[in-house]
N, C-alpha and C. Protein backbone atom coordinates (compact mmCIF):
# COMPACT_ATOMS: atom_id res chain seq x y z
N ILE A 1 73.53 -2.29 -37.48
CA ILE A 1 73.52 -4.01 -37.72
C ILE A 1 72.19 -4.28 -37.60
N VAL A 2 71.69 -5.04 -38.68
CA VAL A 2 70.38 -5.67 -38.76
C VAL A 2 70.33 -6.92 -38.44
N VAL A 3 69.66 -7.36 -37.70
CA VAL A 3 69.48 -9.05 -37.19
C VAL A 3 68.28 -9.38 -37.16
N GLN A 4 67.97 -10.74 -37.37
CA GLN A 4 66.46 -11.14 -36.92
C GLN A 4 67.00 -11.96 -35.72
N MET A 5 65.84 -11.89 -34.96
CA MET A 5 65.96 -12.64 -33.54
C MET A 5 64.28 -13.53 -33.31
N TRP A 6 64.38 -14.33 -32.45
CA TRP A 6 63.20 -14.89 -32.11
C TRP A 6 62.47 -13.90 -30.97
N ASN A 7 61.30 -13.62 -31.46
CA ASN A 7 60.41 -12.97 -30.54
C ASN A 7 60.00 -13.79 -29.25
N ARG A 8 60.79 -13.87 -28.05
CA ARG A 8 60.50 -14.52 -27.07
C ARG A 8 61.20 -13.95 -25.89
N PRO A 9 60.62 -14.12 -24.90
CA PRO A 9 61.20 -13.39 -23.57
C PRO A 9 62.67 -13.63 -23.36
N GLY A 10 63.36 -12.62 -23.15
CA GLY A 10 64.88 -12.53 -22.94
C GLY A 10 65.70 -12.68 -24.25
N SER A 11 65.24 -12.60 -25.41
CA SER A 11 66.24 -12.62 -26.56
C SER A 11 66.98 -11.16 -26.34
N LEU A 12 66.21 -10.08 -26.55
CA LEU A 12 67.03 -8.80 -26.45
C LEU A 12 67.87 -8.77 -25.16
N SER A 13 67.41 -9.21 -24.18
CA SER A 13 68.35 -9.17 -22.90
C SER A 13 69.38 -10.02 -23.11
N ALA A 14 69.48 -11.05 -23.89
CA ALA A 14 70.68 -11.96 -23.88
C ALA A 14 71.63 -11.08 -24.78
N VAL A 15 71.17 -10.34 -25.83
CA VAL A 15 72.22 -9.57 -26.65
C VAL A 15 72.74 -8.51 -25.81
N ALA A 16 71.86 -7.97 -25.16
CA ALA A 16 72.32 -6.70 -24.29
C ALA A 16 73.37 -7.15 -23.15
N THR A 17 73.03 -8.18 -22.68
CA THR A 17 74.31 -9.06 -21.77
C THR A 17 75.42 -9.23 -22.32
N GLN A 18 75.15 -9.65 -23.40
CA GLN A 18 76.64 -10.04 -24.08
C GLN A 18 77.40 -8.62 -24.64
N PHE A 19 76.56 -7.67 -25.17
CA PHE A 19 77.33 -6.44 -25.31
C PHE A 19 77.77 -5.73 -23.93
N ARG A 20 77.30 -5.91 -22.75
CA ARG A 20 77.78 -5.37 -21.75
C ARG A 20 79.06 -6.07 -21.37
N LYS A 21 79.07 -7.38 -21.59
CA LYS A 21 80.03 -8.47 -21.06
C LYS A 21 81.40 -8.02 -22.10
N HIS A 22 81.26 -7.50 -23.20
CA HIS A 22 82.20 -7.06 -24.13
C HIS A 22 82.41 -5.48 -24.04
N ALA A 23 82.00 -4.87 -23.25
CA ALA A 23 82.18 -3.34 -23.11
C ALA A 23 81.81 -2.71 -24.49
N ILE A 24 80.55 -3.17 -24.93
CA ILE A 24 80.14 -2.33 -26.12
C ILE A 24 78.79 -1.62 -25.46
N ASN A 25 78.91 -0.30 -25.76
CA ASN A 25 77.81 0.64 -25.53
C ASN A 25 77.15 0.62 -26.63
N ILE A 26 75.52 0.59 -26.31
CA ILE A 26 74.44 0.55 -27.32
C ILE A 26 74.33 1.91 -27.54
N GLN A 27 74.22 2.58 -28.91
CA GLN A 27 73.67 3.92 -29.07
C GLN A 27 72.22 3.99 -29.38
N TYR A 28 71.66 2.70 -30.16
CA TYR A 28 70.34 2.92 -30.57
C TYR A 28 69.85 1.49 -30.76
N VAL A 29 68.77 1.29 -30.53
CA VAL A 29 68.10 -0.09 -30.95
C VAL A 29 66.78 0.25 -31.57
N TYR A 30 66.41 -0.31 -32.78
CA TYR A 30 64.90 -0.06 -33.29
C TYR A 30 64.56 -1.55 -33.59
N GLY A 31 63.25 -1.91 -33.55
CA GLY A 31 62.82 -3.20 -33.80
C GLY A 31 61.11 -3.26 -34.32
N THR A 32 60.94 -4.41 -35.21
CA THR A 32 59.71 -4.65 -35.45
C THR A 32 59.13 -5.48 -34.55
N SER A 33 57.65 -5.50 -34.56
CA SER A 33 56.88 -6.27 -33.85
C SER A 33 56.49 -7.66 -34.59
N SER A 34 56.32 -8.78 -33.88
CA SER A 34 55.77 -10.10 -34.51
C SER A 34 54.97 -10.87 -33.54
N GLN A 35 54.44 -11.85 -33.93
CA GLN A 35 53.80 -12.68 -33.14
C GLN A 35 54.84 -13.33 -32.03
N ALA A 36 54.39 -13.68 -30.92
CA ALA A 36 55.22 -14.39 -30.01
C ALA A 36 55.58 -15.95 -30.83
N GLY A 37 57.11 -16.20 -30.50
CA GLY A 37 57.28 -17.34 -31.30
C GLY A 37 57.97 -17.13 -32.66
N GLU A 38 57.65 -15.92 -33.38
CA GLU A 38 58.18 -15.57 -34.78
C GLU A 38 59.37 -14.75 -34.63
N LYS A 39 59.93 -14.65 -35.77
CA LYS A 39 61.24 -13.67 -35.61
C LYS A 39 60.77 -12.34 -35.83
N MET A 40 61.55 -11.31 -35.33
CA MET A 40 61.52 -10.02 -35.43
C MET A 40 62.78 -9.30 -35.95
N THR A 41 62.79 -8.31 -36.53
CA THR A 41 64.12 -7.60 -37.01
C THR A 41 64.45 -6.53 -36.16
N ILE A 42 65.64 -6.59 -35.78
CA ILE A 42 66.08 -5.47 -34.78
C ILE A 42 67.31 -4.97 -35.49
N VAL A 43 67.34 -3.58 -35.33
CA VAL A 43 68.49 -2.59 -35.86
C VAL A 43 69.34 -2.21 -34.55
N PHE A 44 70.72 -2.52 -34.53
CA PHE A 44 71.39 -1.87 -33.22
C PHE A 44 72.50 -0.93 -34.07
N SER A 45 73.02 -0.08 -33.07
CA SER A 45 74.08 0.58 -33.37
C SER A 45 74.88 0.78 -32.14
N GLY A 46 76.10 0.55 -32.22
CA GLY A 46 77.06 0.41 -30.95
C GLY A 46 78.11 1.24 -31.28
N GLU A 47 78.88 1.59 -30.20
CA GLU A 47 80.15 2.19 -30.17
C GLU A 47 81.00 1.51 -31.15
N ASP A 48 81.36 0.25 -31.19
CA ASP A 48 81.97 -0.52 -31.94
C ASP A 48 81.40 -1.56 -32.71
N ASN A 49 80.68 -1.29 -33.84
CA ASN A 49 79.84 -2.17 -34.75
C ASN A 49 80.70 -3.54 -35.32
N ASP A 50 82.04 -3.29 -35.28
CA ASP A 50 82.62 -4.56 -35.70
C ASP A 50 82.86 -5.37 -34.48
N LYS A 51 82.96 -4.94 -33.69
CA LYS A 51 83.08 -5.97 -32.13
C LYS A 51 81.63 -6.38 -31.89
N ALA A 52 80.79 -5.66 -31.93
CA ALA A 52 79.28 -6.01 -31.94
C ALA A 52 79.07 -7.28 -32.84
N MET A 53 79.41 -7.09 -34.26
CA MET A 53 79.20 -8.21 -35.22
C MET A 53 79.78 -9.51 -34.65
N GLU A 54 80.98 -9.58 -34.02
CA GLU A 54 81.84 -10.84 -33.64
C GLU A 54 80.78 -11.22 -32.68
N VAL A 55 80.38 -10.40 -31.60
CA VAL A 55 79.40 -10.86 -30.51
C VAL A 55 78.16 -11.47 -31.19
N PHE A 56 77.37 -10.91 -32.17
CA PHE A 56 76.40 -11.64 -32.77
C PHE A 56 76.73 -13.04 -33.51
N ASP A 57 77.88 -13.15 -34.35
CA ASP A 57 78.47 -14.14 -34.94
C ASP A 57 78.75 -15.30 -33.91
N ALA A 58 79.28 -15.13 -32.58
CA ALA A 58 79.39 -16.06 -31.63
C ALA A 58 77.98 -16.41 -31.05
N MET A 59 77.07 -15.60 -30.87
CA MET A 59 75.80 -15.91 -30.41
C MET A 59 75.17 -16.95 -31.38
N VAL A 60 75.18 -16.64 -32.62
CA VAL A 60 74.65 -17.61 -33.70
C VAL A 60 75.39 -18.86 -33.60
N LEU A 61 76.62 -19.07 -33.52
CA LEU A 61 77.28 -20.31 -33.31
C LEU A 61 76.96 -21.01 -32.01
N GLU A 62 76.65 -20.17 -30.93
CA GLU A 62 76.61 -20.91 -29.67
C GLU A 62 75.15 -21.20 -29.24
N GLU A 63 74.09 -20.29 -29.81
CA GLU A 63 72.89 -20.51 -29.38
C GLU A 63 71.66 -20.68 -30.43
N ALA A 64 72.30 -20.32 -31.62
CA ALA A 64 71.37 -20.15 -32.83
C ALA A 64 70.26 -19.23 -32.41
N ALA A 65 70.30 -18.16 -31.67
CA ALA A 65 69.32 -17.40 -31.09
C ALA A 65 69.11 -16.15 -32.20
N VAL A 66 70.07 -15.72 -32.99
CA VAL A 66 70.05 -14.55 -33.69
C VAL A 66 70.66 -14.97 -35.26
N THR A 67 69.86 -14.45 -36.06
CA THR A 67 70.45 -14.39 -37.64
C THR A 67 70.79 -13.17 -38.13
N VAL A 68 72.21 -13.19 -38.22
CA VAL A 68 72.62 -11.98 -38.88
C VAL A 68 72.38 -11.88 -40.37
């Protein structure tokens, strides 16, 4: 799953927290770097990527923190 997220403290933690809340184990995460306050590209793979996409979609609707 490739997403763009704001590069600010807690962005990645918010995603990991939601994954934990929905019992999705992360297999790997890769990311790009960017200046603080800009967007970065993150690649996630979880044990259930369909469920992970549902979590990302909910985050976009609720917080506008992630662009899928």
